[in-house]
Protein backbone atom coordinates (compact mmCIF):
# COMPACT_ATOMS: atom_id res chain seq x y z
CA MET A 1 0.42 0.12 -0.10
CA SER A 2 1.10 3.39 -1.12
CA ALA A 3 2.14 6.07 1.97
CA GLU A 4 -1.03 8.23 0.63
CA ALA A 5 -2.87 5.05 1.15
CA ARG A 6 -2.41 4.53 4.62
CA PRO A 7 -4.60 6.13 6.99
CA GLY A 8 -2.72 8.31 8.76
CA ALA A 9 0.50 8.80 7.16
CA PRO A 10 1.67 11.83 6.16
CA THR A 11 0.44 13.07 2.74
CA GLY A 12 3.37 15.21 1.86
CA GLY A 13 6.86 16.58 2.82
CA VAL A 14 7.31 20.12 4.32
CA ARG A 15 5.56 22.11 1.42
CA SER A 16 2.40 19.88 2.73
CA ALA A 17 2.90 21.17 5.87
CA VAL A 18 3.24 24.56 5.42
CA GLY A 19 0.12 23.92 3.34
CA ARG A 20 -1.82 22.77 6.59
CA TYR A 21 -0.90 25.51 8.88
CA ARG A 22 -1.27 27.87 5.97
CA ARG A 23 -4.94 26.95 5.76
CA LEU A 24 -5.51 26.55 9.70
CA LEU A 25 -4.14 30.30 10.10
CA ARG A 26 -6.23 31.59 7.49
CA SER A 27 -9.61 30.65 9.47
CA PRO A 28 -11.12 34.07 10.77
CA GLY A 29 -9.80 34.24 14.24
CA LEU A 30 -8.08 31.70 14.79
CA ALA A 31 -4.73 33.52 14.65
CA ALA A 32 -5.57 36.52 16.96
CA ALA A 33 -7.29 34.40 19.22
CA ILE A 34 -4.38 31.74 20.21
CA ALA A 35 -2.21 34.61 19.99
CA PHE A 36 -4.18 36.49 22.70
CA SER A 37 -4.58 33.26 24.99
CA LEU A 38 -0.85 32.99 24.70
CA VAL A 39 -0.51 36.53 26.61
CA GLY A 40 -3.09 35.68 28.81
CA ARG A 41 -1.36 32.22 29.45
CA LEU A 42 1.75 33.88 30.19
CA HIS A 43 1.19 33.15 34.11
CA GLU A 44 1.51 29.58 33.81
CA SER A 45 4.83 29.66 33.52
CA MET A 46 5.56 33.03 34.91
CA VAL A 47 3.80 32.39 38.69
CA ALA A 48 5.82 29.19 39.03
CA PHE A 49 8.80 30.24 38.11
CA GLY A 50 8.20 33.55 39.83
CA LEU A 51 7.57 31.75 43.16
CA LEU A 52 10.35 29.51 42.65
CA LEU A 53 12.78 32.27 42.57
CA LEU A 54 11.01 34.21 45.60
CA VAL A 55 10.57 31.57 47.73
CA THR A 56 14.07 30.29 47.85
CA GLU A 57 15.74 33.78 48.53
CA ARG A 58 14.80 32.42 52.17
CA SER A 59 14.09 28.69 52.41
CA THR A 60 14.24 25.61 50.33
CA TYR A 61 12.74 23.63 46.98
CA ALA A 62 10.75 21.86 49.25
CA ALA A 63 9.38 24.91 50.66
CA ALA A 64 8.80 26.50 47.56
CA GLY A 65 7.12 23.13 46.64
CA VAL A 66 3.98 24.01 49.11
CA ALA A 67 3.75 27.26 47.74
CA LEU A 68 3.27 25.81 44.19
CA ALA A 69 0.95 23.07 45.49
CA SER A 70 -1.51 25.30 47.27
CA TYR A 71 -1.58 27.95 44.33
CA GLY A 72 -2.21 24.38 42.14
CA VAL A 73 -4.62 23.28 44.26
CA GLY A 74 -6.72 27.01 44.33
CA GLY A 75 -6.32 26.22 40.76
CA MET A 76 -7.95 22.57 40.56
CA VAL A 77 -10.79 23.42 42.79
CA GLY A 78 -11.59 26.93 40.30
CA GLY A 79 -10.71 25.46 36.71
CA PRO A 80 -14.21 23.18 36.91
CA VAL A 81 -16.41 26.22 38.49
CA GLY A 82 -15.02 28.82 36.00
CA ALA A 83 -15.36 26.75 32.83
CA THR A 84 -18.71 25.75 34.17
CA LEU A 85 -20.03 28.94 34.90
CA ALA A 86 -18.20 30.43 31.64
CA ALA A 87 -20.33 27.44 29.69
CA ARG A 88 -23.67 28.70 31.70
CA PHE A 89 -23.04 32.63 31.39
CA GLY A 90 -20.60 33.24 28.63
CA HIS A 91 -17.27 33.32 28.34
CA ALA A 92 -16.99 36.39 27.99
CA ARG A 93 -18.31 37.70 31.24
CA VAL A 94 -16.83 35.10 33.24
CA LEU A 95 -13.40 35.41 32.14
CA LEU A 96 -13.14 39.41 32.69
CA VAL A 97 -14.42 39.34 36.46
CA LEU A 98 -12.22 36.54 37.01
CA ALA A 99 -9.20 38.28 35.24
CA ALA A 100 -9.07 41.14 36.98
CA ALA A 101 -9.51 38.92 40.67
CA PHE A 102 -6.69 36.67 39.31
CA GLY A 103 -4.53 40.30 38.71
CA ALA A 104 -5.09 41.39 42.60
CA GLY A 105 -4.42 37.87 43.72
CA ILE A 106 -1.02 37.79 42.49
CA GLY A 107 -0.78 41.26 43.43
CA GLY A 108 -0.99 39.81 47.05
CA MET A 109 1.35 36.91 46.11
CA ALA A 110 3.65 39.30 45.53
CA ALA A 111 3.47 41.53 48.95
CA THR A 112 3.77 38.23 50.66
CA GLN A 113 8.01 38.81 50.07
CA GLY A 114 8.05 34.58 50.43
CA ASP A 115 6.52 34.85 53.65
CA LEU A 116 4.82 30.58 53.35
CA ARG A 117 2.59 32.14 56.46
CA ALA A 118 0.54 35.14 54.12
CA LEU A 119 1.60 33.16 50.48
CA VAL A 120 0.32 29.91 51.12
CA PRO A 121 -3.48 30.92 52.17
CA VAL A 122 -3.17 34.02 49.41
CA GLY A 123 -1.66 31.74 46.86
CA LEU A 124 -4.83 29.19 47.24
CA LEU A 125 -7.21 31.76 46.70
CA THR A 126 -5.42 33.39 43.69
CA GLY A 127 -5.41 29.65 42.29
CA VAL A 128 -8.74 29.45 42.67
CA LEU A 129 -9.67 32.81 40.77
CA THR A 130 -7.99 31.53 37.61
CA PRO A 131 -10.21 32.68 34.57
CA PRO A 132 -10.39 29.64 32.64
CA LEU A 133 -8.81 30.62 29.33
CA THR A 134 -7.86 27.14 28.10
CA PRO A 135 -10.42 25.55 28.33
CA ALA A 136 -12.52 27.85 26.78
CA LEU A 137 -9.94 28.33 23.94
CA ARG A 138 -9.80 24.46 23.56
CA SER A 139 -13.57 24.41 23.75
CA THR A 140 -13.71 27.23 20.30
CA LEU A 141 -11.11 25.43 18.62
CA PRO A 142 -13.68 23.36 16.68
CA ARG A 143 -16.14 26.03 15.92
CA LEU A 144 -13.22 28.44 14.34
CA VAL A 145 -11.88 25.57 11.98
CA PRO A 146 -13.05 22.67 9.41
CA PRO A 147 -13.77 19.89 11.23
CA ALA A 148 -11.27 17.92 9.56
CA ASP A 149 -8.49 20.16 11.04
CA ARG A 150 -9.70 19.84 14.56
CA LEU A 151 -6.66 17.51 15.80
CA SER A 152 -4.02 19.95 13.50
CA ALA A 153 -5.58 22.62 15.41
CA PHE A 154 -5.57 21.00 18.78
CA ALA A 155 -1.71 20.63 17.65
CA LEU A 156 -0.93 23.67 16.51
CA GLU A 157 -2.59 25.16 19.98
CA SER A 158 -0.93 22.89 22.09
CA THR A 159 2.75 23.95 19.88
CA VAL A 160 2.30 27.22 20.09
CA GLN A 161 1.01 27.49 23.71
CA GLU A 162 5.23 26.58 24.48
CA VAL A 163 5.62 29.67 23.11
CA VAL A 164 4.51 30.56 26.71
CA PHE A 165 6.71 28.32 28.38
CA VAL A 166 9.95 29.73 26.27
CA ALA A 167 9.00 33.67 26.70
CA GLY A 168 7.62 33.49 30.30
CA PRO A 169 10.51 32.29 32.27
CA VAL A 170 13.12 34.27 30.19
CA VAL A 171 11.04 37.52 31.04
CA ALA A 172 10.99 36.27 34.33
CA GLY A 173 13.94 35.37 34.57
CA GLY A 174 15.21 39.00 33.50
CA LEU A 175 12.68 40.40 35.56
CA ALA A 176 13.89 38.93 38.69
CA VAL A 177 17.63 39.84 37.92
CA LEU A 178 16.89 43.31 36.93
CA LEU A 179 14.16 44.06 39.49
CA ALA A 180 13.11 41.58 41.74
CA PRO A 181 11.20 38.62 41.82
CA GLY A 182 8.01 39.74 42.74
CA ALA A 183 8.12 42.12 39.60
CA VAL A 184 7.89 38.50 37.97
CA LEU A 185 4.50 38.04 39.60
CA LEU A 186 3.64 41.58 39.01
CA ALA A 187 4.30 41.38 35.53
CA ALA A 188 2.40 38.54 35.02
CA ALA A 189 -1.06 39.59 36.51
CA GLY A 190 -0.96 42.64 33.51
CA LEU A 191 -0.08 40.07 31.12
CA THR A 192 -3.20 38.10 32.17
CA VAL A 193 -5.83 40.82 32.17
CA VAL A 194 -4.21 42.21 28.62
CA GLY A 195 -4.72 38.72 26.98
CA VAL A 196 -7.79 37.88 28.76
CA VAL A 197 -9.57 41.46 27.27
CA GLY A 198 -7.63 40.87 23.23
CA TYR A 199 -8.94 37.44 23.23
CA CYS A 200 -12.80 38.18 24.68
CA ALA A 201 -12.82 41.15 21.84
CA VAL A 202 -11.40 38.34 19.09
CA VAL A 203 -14.01 35.82 20.08
CA ALA A 204 -17.04 37.74 20.32
CA ARG A 205 -16.18 38.94 16.85
CA HIS A 206 -15.45 35.84 15.27
CA ALA A 207 -17.35 33.25 17.21
CA PRO A 208 -19.81 34.77 19.36
CA SER A 209 -22.49 32.37 19.73
CA GLY A 210 -21.80 29.53 22.54
CA PRO A 211 -20.04 26.23 21.51
CA THR A 212 -21.64 24.43 18.76
CA ARG A 213 -20.59 21.35 17.53
CA ALA A 214 -19.85 21.02 13.86
CA PRO A 215 -23.09 19.43 11.50
CA ASP A 216 -21.01 16.99 9.59
CA ASP A 217 -19.12 15.57 13.09
CA ALA A 218 -20.91 12.45 12.47
CA ASP A 219 -17.78 10.42 14.02
CA ARG A 220 -18.20 12.20 17.62
CA PRO A 221 -20.36 10.85 20.30
CA PRO A 222 -23.52 12.61 21.54
CA PRO A 223 -22.71 13.77 24.87
CA ALA A 224 -21.78 11.47 27.08
CA THR A 225 -24.37 10.85 30.29
CA GLY A 226 -22.01 9.77 32.76
CA SER A 227 -21.69 12.99 35.81
CA GLY A 228 -19.43 15.38 35.06
CA PRO A 229 -15.47 14.07 35.03
CA TRP A 230 -16.99 10.44 35.72
CA ALA A 231 -18.40 10.18 31.80
CA PRO A 232 -17.25 6.90 30.03
CA GLY A 233 -13.74 7.15 28.81
CA THR A 234 -13.43 10.45 30.65
CA ALA A 235 -12.19 9.73 33.94
CA ARG A 236 -9.16 7.77 32.11
CA LEU A 237 -8.30 11.07 29.70
CA LEU A 238 -8.54 12.56 33.70
CA ALA A 239 -6.23 10.47 35.04
CA GLY A 240 -3.76 11.12 32.02
CA GLY A 241 -4.17 14.83 32.48
CA VAL A 242 -2.79 14.65 36.29
CA ALA A 243 0.35 12.86 35.15
CA PHE A 244 1.39 14.86 32.37
CA LEU A 245 1.33 17.84 34.76
CA ALA A 246 2.75 15.86 37.17
CA VAL A 247 5.57 14.69 35.32
CA LEU A 248 6.31 18.04 33.54
CA SER A 249 6.18 20.01 37.31
CA VAL A 250 8.90 17.44 38.35
CA ALA A 251 10.71 17.81 35.26
CA SER A 252 10.80 21.47 35.86
CA VAL A 253 12.25 21.92 39.13
CA VAL A 254 15.13 19.46 38.26
CA ILE A 255 15.87 21.06 35.87
CA VAL A 256 16.04 24.50 37.95
CA ALA A 257 17.80 22.63 40.55
CA GLU A 258 20.46 21.12 38.28
CA VAL A 259 21.64 24.97 36.83
CA SER A 260 20.85 26.87 39.62
CA GLY A 261 21.99 24.70 42.95
CA PRO A 262 20.33 25.02 46.27
CA ARG A 263 18.91 28.80 45.02
CA ALA A 264 16.78 28.95 41.76
CA HIS A 265 18.44 31.66 39.65
CA GLY A 266 17.32 33.61 36.72
CA SER A 267 19.63 32.03 34.28
CA ALA A 268 18.09 28.62 34.69
CA GLY A 269 15.21 30.39 32.40
CA VAL A 270 17.28 28.87 29.07
CA HIS A 271 17.32 25.56 30.38
CA LEU A 272 13.57 25.81 30.27
CA GLY A 273 13.28 28.00 27.37
CA VAL A 274 14.91 25.41 25.68
CA VAL A 275 12.93 22.73 26.57
CA SER A 276 9.80 24.72 25.48
CA VAL A 277 11.77 24.88 21.97
CA GLY A 278 11.84 21.40 21.80
CA SER A 279 8.07 20.94 22.30
CA ILE A 280 7.72 23.70 19.45
CA VAL A 281 9.35 21.74 17.21
CA GLY A 282 8.13 17.88 18.04
CA GLY A 283 4.61 20.36 17.92
CA LEU A 284 5.04 21.38 14.56
CA VAL A 285 6.65 18.41 13.03
CA PHE A 286 3.46 15.87 14.74
CA GLY A 287 0.62 18.58 13.43
CA ALA A 288 1.75 18.18 10.07
CA ARG A 289 2.41 14.40 9.72
CA VAL A 290 -0.97 13.42 12.27
CA GLY A 291 -3.84 11.79 10.90
CA PRO A 292 -7.16 10.73 12.29
CA GLY A 293 -7.18 8.71 14.94
CA ALA A 294 -4.20 9.01 16.83
CA ALA A 295 -3.61 7.29 20.17
CA VAL A 296 -2.82 8.58 23.38
CA ALA A 297 -1.13 5.56 25.04
CA PRO A 298 2.45 6.06 22.44
CA ARG A 299 3.07 10.06 22.84
CA PHE A 300 3.22 9.09 26.66
CA ALA A 301 5.55 6.21 26.36
CA VAL A 302 7.70 8.54 24.51
CA LEU A 303 7.66 11.27 27.20
CA GLY A 304 8.76 8.81 29.89
CA GLY A 305 11.56 7.72 27.58
CA VAL A 306 12.79 10.94 27.71
CA LEU A 307 12.09 12.08 30.81
CA GLY A 308 14.09 8.41 31.97
CA MET A 309 17.24 10.87 29.89
CA LEU A 310 16.55 13.53 32.01
CA GLY A 311 17.13 11.54 35.37
CA LEU A 312 20.25 9.69 33.66
CA ALA A 313 22.06 13.39 32.86
CA ALA A 314 21.13 14.49 36.57
CA ALA A 315 22.67 11.77 37.00
CA LEU A 316 26.35 12.88 35.57
CA PRO A 317 28.85 14.59 37.83
CA SER A 318 27.79 18.65 37.30
CA GLY A 319 30.18 21.29 36.70
CA GLY A 320 31.67 21.71 33.27
CA ALA A 321 30.50 22.55 29.85
CA PRO A 322 30.09 18.31 28.83
CA ALA A 323 27.85 17.95 31.43
CA ALA A 324 25.73 21.93 30.43
CA ALA A 325 25.82 20.19 27.34
CA VAL A 326 24.44 16.98 27.78
CA LEU A 327 21.83 18.23 29.84
CA LEU A 328 20.65 21.10 26.91
CA VAL A 329 20.33 18.61 24.68
CA VAL A 330 18.34 16.25 26.99
CA ALA A 331 15.86 19.20 27.51
CA PHE A 332 15.48 20.05 24.05
CA ALA A 333 14.42 16.23 23.11
CA TYR A 334 12.20 16.27 26.53
CA GLY A 335 10.32 18.82 25.23
CA THR A 336 10.01 17.41 21.41
CA ALA A 337 7.84 14.89 23.55
CA ILE A 338 5.69 17.46 25.01
CA ALA A 339 3.20 19.04 22.30
CA PRO A 340 2.16 16.11 20.86
CA ALA A 341 1.35 14.16 24.06
CA GLY A 342 -0.53 17.23 24.76
CA ALA A 343 -2.59 17.24 21.29
CA VAL A 344 -3.91 13.92 21.41
CA LEU A 345 -5.06 13.92 25.03
CA PHE A 346 -6.62 17.09 24.34
CA ALA A 347 -8.38 16.06 21.31
CA GLU A 348 -9.48 12.87 22.52
CA LEU A 349 -11.21 14.48 25.27
CA ASP A 350 -13.13 16.69 23.47
CA ARG A 351 -13.75 14.31 20.76
CA LEU A 352 -15.46 12.03 23.86
CA ALA A 353 -17.13 15.48 25.07
CA GLY A 354 -19.35 16.64 22.64
CA ALA A 355 -21.18 19.67 23.30
CA ARG A 356 -20.18 19.86 26.94
CA SER A 357 -16.35 20.28 25.33
CA THR A 358 -16.30 23.42 27.88
CA GLN A 359 -17.31 21.80 31.18
CA ALA A 360 -14.75 19.27 30.14
CA PHE A 361 -11.60 21.12 29.56
CA GLY A 362 -12.26 22.81 32.90
CA TRP A 363 -12.08 19.01 34.60
CA MET A 364 -9.14 18.39 32.80
CA GLY A 365 -7.74 22.19 34.32
CA ALA A 366 -8.62 20.89 37.37
CA ALA A 367 -6.86 17.55 36.50
CA MET A 368 -3.55 19.27 35.87
CA GLY A 369 -4.34 21.33 38.80
CA LEU A 370 -4.02 18.55 40.81
CA GLY A 371 -1.35 17.11 38.93
CA GLY A 372 0.59 20.41 39.19
CA ALA A 373 0.51 20.95 42.81
CA ILE A 374 1.42 17.06 43.05
CA GLY A 375 4.44 17.63 40.79
CA ASP A 376 5.83 21.04 42.77
CA ALA A 377 5.47 19.25 45.75
CA ALA A 378 7.02 15.89 44.84
CA GLY A 379 9.51 17.46 42.32
CA GLY A 380 10.69 19.87 45.31
CA TRP A 381 10.79 17.31 48.00
CA LEU A 382 12.40 14.63 45.49
CA VAL A 383 14.82 17.77 44.87
CA THR A 384 15.81 18.13 48.43
CA GLY A 385 16.35 14.77 49.82
CA PRO A 386 17.14 11.85 47.21
CA GLY A 387 18.49 14.01 44.38
CA THR A 388 17.64 15.69 41.10
CA ALA A 389 18.36 12.38 39.07
CA VAL A 390 15.90 10.26 41.40
CA ALA A 391 12.97 12.80 40.73
CA GLY A 392 13.71 12.73 36.99
CA TRP A 393 13.46 8.77 36.82
CA ALA A 394 10.32 8.67 39.23
CA ALA A 395 8.54 11.29 36.94
CA ALA A 396 9.52 8.79 34.32
CA ALA A 397 7.89 5.77 35.92
CA VAL A 398 4.48 7.90 35.92
CA ALA A 399 4.76 9.22 32.31
CA VAL A 400 5.18 5.02 31.56
CA ALA A 401 2.37 3.93 33.94
CA ALA A 402 0.33 6.33 32.36
CA ALA A 403 0.77 4.91 28.78
CA ALA A 404 0.14 1.31 30.52
CA LEU A 405 -2.84 3.26 31.72
CA LEU A 406 -4.18 4.85 28.37
CA ALA A 407 -3.53 1.84 26.18
CA ARG A 408 -6.30 -0.06 27.75
CA PRO A 409 -8.83 -0.78 24.63
CA GLY A 410 -12.04 -0.13 23.79
CA GLU A 411 -11.79 3.84 25.60
CA VAL A 412 -8.66 5.61 24.34
CA SER A 413 -7.96 4.50 21.29
CA PRO A 414 -10.57 4.73 18.45
CA ARG A 415 -10.77 1.19 17.12
CA ARG A 416 -10.89 0.72 12.72
CA PRO A 417 -13.71 -0.80 11.72
CA ARG A 418 -13.39 -4.10 10.15
CA ARG A 419 -14.16 -4.76 6.59
CA PRO A 420 -16.78 -8.09 5.81
CA ARG A 421 -15.30 -10.77 3.92
CA PRO A 422 -16.35 -11.64 0.57
CA ARG A 423 -19.69 -13.89 0.98
CA ARG A 424 -17.58 -16.46 -1.41
CA ALA A 425 -14.69 -16.01 0.74
CA ARG A 426 -17.63 -17.33 3.94
CA SER A 427 -19.14 -20.28 2.02
CA ARG A 428 -15.58 -21.52 1.14
CA SER A 429 -14.86 -21.36 4.57
CA ARG A 430 -17.86 -23.70 5.76
CA ARG A 431 -17.90 -26.16 3.08
CA GLY A 432 -14.11 -26.87 3.84
CA ARG A 433 -14.88 -27.43 7.92
């Protein structure tokens, strides 16, 4: 069978890949919606890195993990609530109110100067107030692109989201060096408000109606009849989301600790940026070549493999150019596995959720918030105690376990329909018995 005839096989080289992305970006409002959402989501990398810088000025990575976990738990609680409110009362109204409250909360976190007695409760409340910009965008994507381009659109979004994790740590590191860690948090608050306002303006113009499904989505199931995250097939994907953010959070702490030593330094933002550049490259290649029905489990298995490589790199003797070069190469390789894993996870969730995609992505945000909180706390403890190599290998083990969970048949990877046998072949078979 030729490459063109194989389902999911690439249909061309670089030219076809560029053509696919050009077609996507010509969809009215898509490029602007993604761009403003990126600005509004810069806090996702800036706040975490800013808290590491702020807390380790006076304490340990374990203490920073506690602060990050409290913020993450707040996001876990607020994620599904905010997404449900957005689905009921409209994205713009809820996003704008929460963006203003979130900005004020981030300012309060900066004012604590890293004192955990104040930072933990303020961080918890601020996490609850996080505007559900990511689930809002992902539930809107199917309304901005043709149905055949949905998976590529999710791959593109997951890929360009890495701009958040390229620019965020670099900007945060620069502000911390030039000003102070508190300036990182204040900048994140301002960028969130600007991004949310711009995103809402774009969506109001190009996709003003509520979440709807394309009329020719014959392959999509009706909304699940289960309750919330426990609908058939969805719970397993949410567990994958917990594992996804947990391993990413642990890996970030490992990289920062390997570069900085006992106290986080702004220069670690460069290595986090290299991870994100790798994710951009991996996501662009994946989005250009992926076919419909891509399975989730293999992408998590690849992620586990490169996390194991990160653990090996952390086990090398630190100091000197060779160790630094190895860490950069492994950071890039690790990054190439992130966006593809996220793309297939989000596309499968969208396929299962049907018309309830906003709520489903809100629950996914909660699951990822839980995973991030677990990963931040575990990463801080592992790095402070057993060490960075053990932390990297633990993240690898979790990713591989998630791949095994998601590989169970019948819920994650859609089965390819069987072709009926010709009648003549069946009759011969019967006569031969």
